[in-house]
C-alpha atoms as a PDB file:
ATOM      1  CA  UNK A   1     127.475 191.060 -64.369  1.00  0.00           C
ATOM      2  CA  UNK A   2     130.355 189.057 -64.868  1.00  0.00           C
ATOM      3  CA  UNK A   3     128.443 186.110 -66.296  1.00  0.00           C
ATOM      4  CA  UNK A   4     127.345 188.488 -69.052  1.00  0.00           C
ATOM      5  CA  UNK A   5     131.026 189.514 -69.869  1.00  0.00           C
ATOM      6  CA  UNK A   6     132.425 185.810 -69.798  1.00  0.00           C
ATOM      7  CA  UNK A   7     130.032 183.070 -70.812  1.00  0.00           C
ATOM      8  CA  UNK A   8     127.568 185.695 -72.298  1.00  0.00           C
ATOM      9  CA  UNK A   9     130.034 187.318 -74.696  1.00  0.00           C
ATOM     10  CA  UNK A  10     131.229 184.030 -76.129  1.00  0.00           C
ATOM     11  CA  UNK A  11     127.724 182.636 -76.675  1.00  0.00           C
ATOM     12  CA  UNK A  12     126.617 186.025 -78.309  1.00  0.00           C
ATOM     13  CA  UNK A  13     129.530 185.991 -80.686  1.00  0.00           C
ATOM     14  CA  UNK A  14     128.777 182.510 -81.923  1.00  0.00           C
ATOM     15  CA  UNK A  15     125.089 183.216 -82.246  1.00  0.00           C
ATOM     16  CA  UNK A  16     125.753 186.524 -84.082  1.00  0.00           C
ATOM     17  CA  UNK A  17     128.279 184.847 -86.401  1.00  0.00           C
ATOM     18  CA  UNK A  18     125.870 182.091 -87.253  1.00  0.00           C
ATOM     19  CA  UNK A  19     122.941 184.548 -87.848  1.00  0.00           C
ATOM     20  CA  UNK A  20     125.210 186.899 -90.052  1.00  0.00           C
ATOM     21  CA  UNK A  21     126.368 183.938 -92.157  1.00  0.00           C
ATOM     22  CA  UNK A  22     122.835 182.544 -92.495  1.00  0.00           C
ATOM     23  CA  UNK A  23     121.012 185.864 -93.066  1.00  0.00           C
ATOM     24  CA  UNK A  24     123.693 187.133 -95.490  1.00  0.00           C
ATOM     25  CA  UNK A  25     123.429 184.068 -97.638  1.00  0.00           C
ATOM     26  CA  UNK A  26     119.719 183.991 -97.684  1.00  0.00           C
ATOM     27  CA  UNK A  27     119.081 187.619 -98.143  1.00  0.00           C
ATOM     28  CA  UNK A  28     121.797 187.719-100.936  1.00  0.00           C
ATOM     29  CA  UNK A  29     120.266 184.784-102.740  1.00  0.00           C
ATOM     30  CA  UNK A  30     116.776 186.555-102.186  1.00  0.00           C
ATOM     31  CA  UNK A  31     118.027 189.721-104.037  1.00  0.00           C
ATOM     32  CA  UNK A  32     119.832 188.119-106.776  1.00  0.00           C
ATOM     33  CA  UNK A  33     117.183 185.542-107.488  1.00  0.00           C
ATOM     34  CA  UNK A  34     114.158 187.340-106.316  1.00  0.00           C
ATOM     35  CA  UNK A  35     112.003 186.046-109.120  1.00  0.00           C
ATOM     36  CA  UNK A  36     112.436 182.408-107.842  1.00  0.00           C
ATOM     37  CA  UNK A  37     110.634 183.369-104.697  1.00  0.00           C
ATOM     38  CA  UNK A  38     106.772 183.660-104.338  1.00  0.00           C
ATOM     39  CA  UNK A  39     105.757 187.205-105.074  1.00  0.00           C
ATOM     40  CA  UNK A  40     103.436 189.629-103.547  1.00  0.00           C
ATOM     41  CA  UNK A  41     100.830 190.752-105.996  1.00  0.00           C
ATOM     42  CA  UNK A  42     101.392 194.331-107.142  1.00  0.00           C
ATOM     43  CA  UNK A  43     105.077 194.562-105.941  1.00  0.00           C
ATOM     44  CA  UNK A  44     107.458 194.251-108.947  1.00  0.00           C
ATOM     45  CA  UNK A  45     110.325 191.902-108.479  1.00  0.00           C
ATOM     46  CA  UNK A  46     112.957 194.689-108.532  1.00  0.00           C
ATOM     47  CA  UNK A  47     111.104 196.711-105.810  1.00  0.00           C
ATOM     48  CA  UNK A  48     110.868 193.537-103.657  1.00  0.00           C
ATOM     49  CA  UNK A  49     114.714 192.704-104.142  1.00  0.00           C
ATOM     50  CA  UNK A  50     115.453 196.284-103.277  1.00  0.00           C
ATOM     51  CA  UNK A  51     113.267 196.211-100.144  1.00  0.00           C
ATOM     52  CA  UNK A  52     115.023 193.036 -98.984  1.00  0.00           C
ATOM     53  CA  UNK A  53     118.543 194.486 -99.432  1.00  0.00           C
ATOM     54  CA  UNK A  54     117.486 197.541 -97.587  1.00  0.00           C
ATOM     55  CA  UNK A  55     115.913 195.461 -94.717  1.00  0.00           C
ATOM     56  CA  UNK A  56     118.955 193.398 -94.498  1.00  0.00           C
ATOM     57  CA  UNK A  57     121.449 196.230 -94.086  1.00  0.00           C
ATOM     58  CA  UNK A  58     119.068 198.089 -91.569  1.00  0.00           C
ATOM     59  CA  UNK A  59     118.530 194.910 -89.426  1.00  0.00           C
ATOM     60  CA  UNK A  60     122.118 194.080 -89.582  1.00  0.00           C
ATOM     61  CA  UNK A  61     123.274 197.577 -88.505  1.00  0.00           C
ATOM     62  CA  UNK A  62     120.816 197.148 -85.531  1.00  0.00           C
ATOM     63  CA  UNK A  63     122.498 193.896 -84.631  1.00  0.00           C
ATOM     64  CA  UNK A  64     125.794 195.367 -84.591  1.00  0.00           C
ATOM     65  CA  UNK A  65     124.541 198.310 -82.414  1.00  0.00           C
ATOM     66  CA  UNK A  66     123.340 195.719 -80.016  1.00  0.00           C
ATOM     67  CA  UNK A  67     126.748 193.966 -80.069  1.00  0.00           C
ATOM     68  CA  UNK A  68     128.530 197.356 -79.561  1.00  0.00           C
ATOM     69  CA  UNK A  69     126.211 198.151 -76.546  1.00  0.00           C
ATOM     70  CA  UNK A  70     126.768 194.679 -75.079  1.00  0.00           C
ATOM     71  CA  UNK A  71     130.580 195.139 -75.207  1.00  0.00           C
ATOM     72  CA  UNK A  72     130.045 198.651 -73.510  1.00  0.00           C
ATOM     73  CA  UNK A  73     127.961 197.164 -70.782  1.00  0.00           C
ATOM     74  CA  UNK A  74     124.662 198.760 -71.843  1.00  0.00           C
ATOM     75  CA  UNK A  75     123.045 195.499 -71.667  1.00  0.00           C
ATOM     76  CA  UNK A  76     119.268 196.332 -71.534  1.00  0.00           C
ATOM     77  CA  UNK A  77     119.717 198.445 -74.620  1.00  0.00           C
ATOM     78  CA  UNK A  78     121.750 195.856 -76.286  1.00  0.00           C
ATOM     79  CA  UNK A  79     119.291 193.234 -75.724  1.00  0.00           C
ATOM     80  CA  UNK A  80     116.499 195.373 -77.204  1.00  0.00           C
ATOM     81  CA  UNK A  81     118.605 195.805 -80.254  1.00  0.00           C
ATOM     82  CA  UNK A  82     119.325 192.088 -80.372  1.00  0.00           C
ATOM     83  CA  UNK A  83     115.583 191.144 -80.303  1.00  0.00           C
ATOM     84  CA  UNK A  84     114.918 193.674 -83.108  1.00  0.00           C
ATOM     85  CA  UNK A  85     117.824 191.927 -85.052  1.00  0.00           C
ATOM     86  CA  UNK A  86     116.299 188.691 -84.664  1.00  0.00           C
ATOM     87  CA  UNK A  87     113.488 189.606 -86.914  1.00  0.00           C
ATOM     88  CA  UNK A  88     115.901 189.202 -89.774  1.00  0.00           C
ATOM     89  CA  UNK A  89     115.837 185.638 -89.245  1.00  0.00           C
ATOM     90  CA  UNK A  90     112.025 185.400 -88.392  1.00  0.00           C
ATOM     91  CA  UNK A  91     111.167 187.377 -91.598  1.00  0.00           C
ATOM     92  CA  UNK A  92     112.502 184.704 -93.752  1.00  0.00           C
ATOM     93  CA  UNK A  93     109.562 182.377 -92.778  1.00  0.00           C
ATOM     94  CA  UNK A  94     107.370 185.094 -94.460  1.00  0.00           C
ATOM     95  CA  UNK A  95     108.164 183.336 -97.659  1.00  0.00           C
ATOM     96  CA  UNK A  96     105.556 180.764 -96.797  1.00  0.00           C
ATOM     97  CA  UNK A  97     102.747 183.352 -96.556  1.00  0.00           C
ATOM     98  CA  UNK A  98     102.637 183.625-100.175  1.00  0.00           C
ATOM     99  CA  UNK A  99     103.527 180.107-101.164  1.00  0.00           C
ATOM    100  CA  UNK A 100     106.510 177.661-101.104  1.00  0.00           C
ATOM    101  CA  UNK A 101     109.830 179.013-102.793  1.00  0.00           C
ATOM    102  CA  UNK A 102     110.722 176.929-105.805  1.00  0.00           C
ATOM    103  CA  UNK A 103     114.489 177.159-105.008  1.00  0.00           C
ATOM    104  CA  UNK A 104     117.447 174.737-104.600  1.00  0.00           C
ATOM    105  CA  UNK A 105     117.558 172.644-101.492  1.00  0.00           C
ATOM    106  CA  UNK A 106     120.609 174.736-100.037  1.00  0.00           C
ATOM    107  CA  UNK A 107     118.745 177.967-100.328  1.00  0.00           C
ATOM    108  CA  UNK A 108     115.504 176.571 -98.980  1.00  0.00           C
ATOM    109  CA  UNK A 109     117.549 175.359 -95.866  1.00  0.00           C
ATOM    110  CA  UNK A 110     118.718 178.939 -95.335  1.00  0.00           C
ATOM    111  CA  UNK A 111     115.026 179.890 -94.636  1.00  0.00           C
ATOM    112  CA  UNK A 112     115.104 177.457 -91.515  1.00  0.00           C
ATOM    113  CA  UNK A 113     118.770 178.345 -90.553  1.00  0.00           C
ATOM    114  CA  UNK A 114     117.484 182.005 -90.374  1.00  0.00           C
ATOM    115  CA  UNK A 115     114.604 181.013 -88.018  1.00  0.00           C
ATOM    116  CA  UNK A 116     117.032 178.913 -85.946  1.00  0.00           C
ATOM    117  CA  UNK A 117     119.317 181.930 -85.550  1.00  0.00           C
ATOM    118  CA  UNK A 118     116.391 184.126 -84.340  1.00  0.00           C
ATOM    119  CA  UNK A 119     115.279 181.526 -81.850  1.00  0.00           C
ATOM    120  CA  UNK A 120     118.864 181.281 -80.502  1.00  0.00           C
ATOM    121  CA  UNK A 121     119.101 184.971 -80.099  1.00  0.00           C
ATOM    122  CA  UNK A 122     115.711 184.864 -78.251  1.00  0.00           C
ATOM    123  CA  UNK A 123     117.188 182.342 -75.960  1.00  0.00           C
ATOM    124  CA  UNK A 124     120.334 184.306 -75.468  1.00  0.00           C
ATOM    125  CA  UNK A 125     118.346 187.537 -74.704  1.00  0.00           C
ATOM    126  CA  UNK A 126     116.273 185.605 -72.189  1.00  0.00           C
ATOM    127  CA  UNK A 127     119.173 184.211 -70.413  1.00  0.00           C
ATOM    128  CA  UNK A 128     120.856 187.692 -70.331  1.00  0.00           C
ATOM    129  CA  UNK A 129     117.666 189.300 -69.192  1.00  0.00           C
ATOM    130  CA  UNK A 130     117.379 186.712 -66.364  1.00  0.00           C
ATOM    131  CA  UNK A 131     120.715 187.376 -65.307  1.00  0.00           C
ATOM    132  CA  UNK A 132     120.239 191.215 -65.283  1.00  0.00           C
ATOM    133  CA  UNK A 133     116.963 190.706 -63.184  1.00  0.00           C
ATOM    134  CA  UNK A 134     118.689 188.509 -60.519  1.00  0.00           C
ATOM    135  CA  UNK A 135     118.303 190.183 -57.243  1.00  0.00           C
ATOM    136  CA  UNK A 136     121.090 189.642 -54.917  1.00  0.00           C
ATOM    137  CA  UNK A 137     121.000 190.157 -51.065  1.00  0.00           C
ATOM    138  CA  UNK A 138     124.324 191.339 -49.448  1.00  0.00           C
ATOM    139  CA  UNK A 139     125.638 188.792 -46.940  1.00  0.00           C
ATOM    140  CA  UNK A 140     125.156 190.914 -43.944  1.00  0.00           C
ATOM    141  CA  UNK A 141     121.367 191.352 -44.621  1.00  0.00           C
ATOM    142  CA  UNK A 142     120.906 187.567 -45.328  1.00  0.00           C
ATOM    143  CA  UNK A 143     122.363 186.555 -41.976  1.00  0.00           C
ATOM    144  CA  UNK A 144     120.027 189.071 -40.015  1.00  0.00           C
ATOM    145  CA  UNK A 145     116.533 187.786 -39.217  1.00  0.00           C
END
């Protein structure tokens, strides 16, 4: 699985760096300015902010486990962790289920950079899974008919 360690590792590092930057900014703003985001009825702002912080740390830890497993060559396990980690970006779109956030443009854009990072991660996982699933035929078998 040389392709996974060569091209794959560079791509994964870039995607993870982008994802961590985007989600850290967005989730931090979400915690600090929780009242500026649409609220779910019955959930106090402080509880919502705490839940966002916990989810951020749990999903980030899962992403780091995925990266660690990728480095160790445990590719299928890594890809599973990375797919779960991608939820950190997709979850940001959940703001629109309760209304449109009334936040400055920069912070509004981080909702979409989070979603974009999740899609990039899905693309990477799909590519890596295809590489792992590739069946190769030894030369001696391919020359025999």
